[in-house]
Amino acid sequence: MAGSSDAYTLRMLGQIDPHWLAVGSYVPTSPTTWLVFIALFTALVALRYGFSKLSIKRQAAKLDRLVKDSAAFSVSWPRERLPYAPHDNLAAEANRCQRIISLMRQLRAAKKSDSDYFDSQISVVEGWLTSVHAALNTARAQGYWEQGPRSQPPPR
């Protein structure tokens, strides 16, 4: 159908009156209507603020759990013994570090006042992640992937 307008197409497809779709076609005239619009707008802003705060709290809780798990791993396997850690644990730690970095970046964007703190913490985790990746690459180069994970560290 050449030359048909979008309003005609909408009317034919869904029997929608195009005047209902026009933005700004209704201007409230009574004070009661204005109060209802203001109340709805305020409620929407409050909901958005509440959901964003809830989301930040959930991310912070998730970050706290991941950091505790990573700290437990680093106590069990310090940097000098890291190449002898089980491969599954190394892979899990690498994944955990990547998730920590991602969450820290999200929280840094949400909390602009603490950006220097988050930047320093992200660089610390990135350094640890580099060490974990180096241990994984060392194990792969030495052929430990074929033998499976080594659970016993070498004697000190």
Protein backbone atom coordinates (compact mmCIF):
# COMPACT_ATOMS: atom_id res chain seq x y z
CA MET A 1 0.00 0.00 0.00
CA ALA A 2 2.02 2.95 -1.21
CA GLY A 3 1.64 6.27 0.56
CA SER A 4 0.10 4.92 3.75
CA SER A 5 1.02 6.78 6.93
CA ASP A 6 2.10 5.26 10.22
CA ALA A 7 -1.14 6.31 11.90
CA TYR A 8 -3.16 4.56 9.19
CA THR A 9 -1.07 1.40 9.62
CA LEU A 10 -1.58 1.44 13.39
CA ARG A 11 -5.30 1.96 12.96
CA MET A 12 -5.52 -0.95 10.53
CA LEU A 13 -3.35 -3.35 12.56
CA GLY A 14 -4.57 -2.77 16.07
CA GLN A 15 -7.59 -0.52 15.69
CA ILE A 16 -5.73 2.04 17.78
CA ASP A 17 -6.84 5.62 17.56
CA PRO A 18 -3.70 7.63 16.71
CA HIS A 19 -4.87 10.53 18.91
CA TRP A 20 -4.38 8.34 21.99
CA LEU A 21 -0.73 7.91 21.10
CA ALA A 22 0.02 11.63 20.84
CA VAL A 23 2.32 12.86 23.56
CA GLY A 24 1.15 15.98 25.31
CA SER A 25 -2.38 15.78 24.00
CA TYR A 26 -3.83 16.04 27.51
CA VAL A 27 -3.14 19.03 29.73
CA PRO A 28 -4.65 18.79 33.21
CA THR A 29 -6.83 21.71 34.11
CA SER A 30 -8.04 21.07 37.64
CA PRO A 31 -5.86 21.30 40.77
CA THR A 32 -6.89 17.75 41.75
CA THR A 33 -5.55 16.35 38.49
CA TRP A 34 -2.30 18.24 38.96
CA LEU A 35 -1.96 16.84 42.48
CA VAL A 36 -2.51 13.29 41.18
CA PHE A 37 0.16 13.78 38.49
CA ILE A 38 2.61 15.22 41.02
CA ALA A 39 1.91 12.36 43.45
CA LEU A 40 2.44 9.75 40.71
CA PHE A 41 5.65 11.40 39.59
CA THR A 42 6.94 11.56 43.17
CA ALA A 43 6.05 7.91 43.73
CA LEU A 44 7.90 6.86 40.57
CA VAL A 45 11.01 8.81 41.59
CA ALA A 46 10.90 7.29 45.09
CA LEU A 47 10.54 3.77 43.66
CA ARG A 48 13.47 4.28 41.31
CA TYR A 49 15.62 5.62 44.15
CA GLY A 50 14.60 2.74 46.43
CA PHE A 51 15.35 0.09 43.81
CA SER A 52 18.73 1.62 43.02
CA LYS A 53 19.68 1.65 46.74
CA LEU A 54 18.50 -1.96 47.08
CA SER A 55 20.55 -2.94 44.05
CA ILE A 56 23.65 -1.25 45.48
CA LYS A 57 23.18 -3.06 48.80
CA ARG A 58 22.85 -6.41 47.03
CA GLN A 59 25.97 -5.75 44.97
CA ALA A 60 27.89 -4.73 48.09
CA ALA A 61 26.80 -7.91 49.89
CA LYS A 62 27.82 -10.02 46.90
CA LEU A 63 31.16 -8.21 46.74
CA ASP A 64 31.73 -8.78 50.46
CA ARG A 65 31.14 -12.53 50.08
CA LEU A 66 33.45 -12.76 47.06
CA VAL A 67 36.21 -10.81 48.83
CA LYS A 68 35.98 -13.09 51.88
CA ASP A 69 36.21 -16.19 49.67
CA SER A 70 39.18 -14.72 47.82
CA ALA A 71 40.89 -13.83 51.10
CA ALA A 72 40.42 -17.40 52.34
CA PHE A 73 41.99 -18.68 49.12
CA SER A 74 44.95 -16.30 49.39
CA VAL A 75 45.57 -17.40 53.00
CA SER A 76 45.55 -21.05 51.91
CA TRP A 77 47.63 -20.38 48.82
CA PRO A 78 49.94 -17.37 49.22
CA ARG A 79 51.60 -15.88 46.16
CA GLU A 80 54.82 -17.96 46.44
CA ARG A 81 52.87 -21.26 46.67
CA LEU A 82 50.25 -20.28 44.11
CA PRO A 83 51.67 -22.43 41.26
CA TYR A 84 51.03 -25.53 43.40
CA ALA A 85 47.37 -24.81 44.06
CA PRO A 86 44.77 -27.17 42.59
CA HIS A 87 43.75 -26.12 39.11
CA ASP A 88 40.05 -26.04 39.89
CA ASN A 89 40.72 -23.69 42.78
CA LEU A 90 42.93 -21.47 40.62
CA ALA A 91 40.26 -21.27 37.93
CA ALA A 92 37.60 -20.52 40.54
CA GLU A 93 39.81 -17.79 42.04
CA ALA A 94 40.41 -16.24 38.61
CA ASN A 95 36.64 -16.21 38.00
CA ARG A 96 36.02 -14.78 41.46
CA CYS A 97 38.58 -12.00 40.89
CA GLN A 98 37.00 -11.05 37.59
CA ARG A 99 33.59 -10.85 39.28
CA ILE A 100 35.09 -8.75 42.11
CA ILE A 101 36.57 -6.31 39.61
CA SER A 102 33.27 -6.09 37.73
CA LEU A 103 31.28 -5.43 40.91
CA MET A 104 33.80 -2.85 42.11
CA ARG A 105 33.53 -0.99 38.82
CA GLN A 106 29.73 -1.02 39.06
CA LEU A 107 29.83 0.26 42.63
CA ARG A 108 32.41 2.89 41.69
CA ALA A 109 30.02 4.18 39.03
CA ALA A 110 27.15 4.23 41.54
CA LYS A 111 29.17 5.86 44.36
CA LYS A 112 31.15 8.59 42.68
CA SER A 113 32.55 9.90 45.97
CA ASP A 114 34.67 6.78 46.64
CA SER A 115 36.21 6.45 43.18
CA ASP A 116 39.84 6.73 44.41
CA TYR A 117 39.25 3.97 46.97
CA PHE A 118 37.66 1.69 44.36
CA ASP A 119 40.45 2.41 41.86
CA SER A 120 43.12 1.39 44.37
CA GLN A 121 41.22 -1.76 45.34
CA ILE A 122 40.64 -2.69 41.70
CA SER A 123 44.37 -2.37 41.00
CA VAL A 124 45.15 -4.67 43.96
CA VAL A 125 42.70 -7.32 42.73
CA GLU A 126 44.02 -6.98 39.17
CA GLY A 127 47.55 -7.63 40.49
CA TRP A 128 46.35 -10.75 42.32
CA LEU A 129 44.47 -11.86 39.19
CA THR A 130 47.68 -11.48 37.19
CA SER A 131 49.44 -13.77 39.68
CA VAL A 132 46.63 -16.33 39.44
CA HIS A 133 46.77 -16.25 35.64
CA ALA A 134 50.56 -16.67 35.76
CA ALA A 135 50.14 -19.72 38.01
CA LEU A 136 47.57 -21.18 35.63
CA ASN A 137 49.87 -20.57 32.65
CA THR A 138 52.83 -22.10 34.50
CA ALA A 139 50.85 -25.21 35.32
CA ARG A 140 49.67 -25.48 31.73
CA ALA A 141 53.23 -25.07 30.39
CA GLN A 142 54.55 -27.75 32.76
CA GLY A 143 51.86 -30.19 31.66
CA TYR A 144 49.96 -30.35 34.95
CA TRP A 145 46.63 -29.95 33.18
CA GLU A 146 46.90 -33.47 31.78
CA GLN A 147 47.78 -34.94 35.18
CA GLY A 148 44.98 -33.21 37.02
CA PRO A 149 45.16 -30.90 40.00
CA ARG A 150 47.93 -31.22 42.56
CA SER A 151 46.52 -30.87 46.02
CA GLN A 152 49.77 -31.15 47.99
CA PRO A 153 52.13 -28.20 48.04
CA PRO A 154 55.85 -28.86 47.87
CA PRO A 155 57.71 -29.07 51.18
CA ARG A 156 58.95 -25.75 52.48
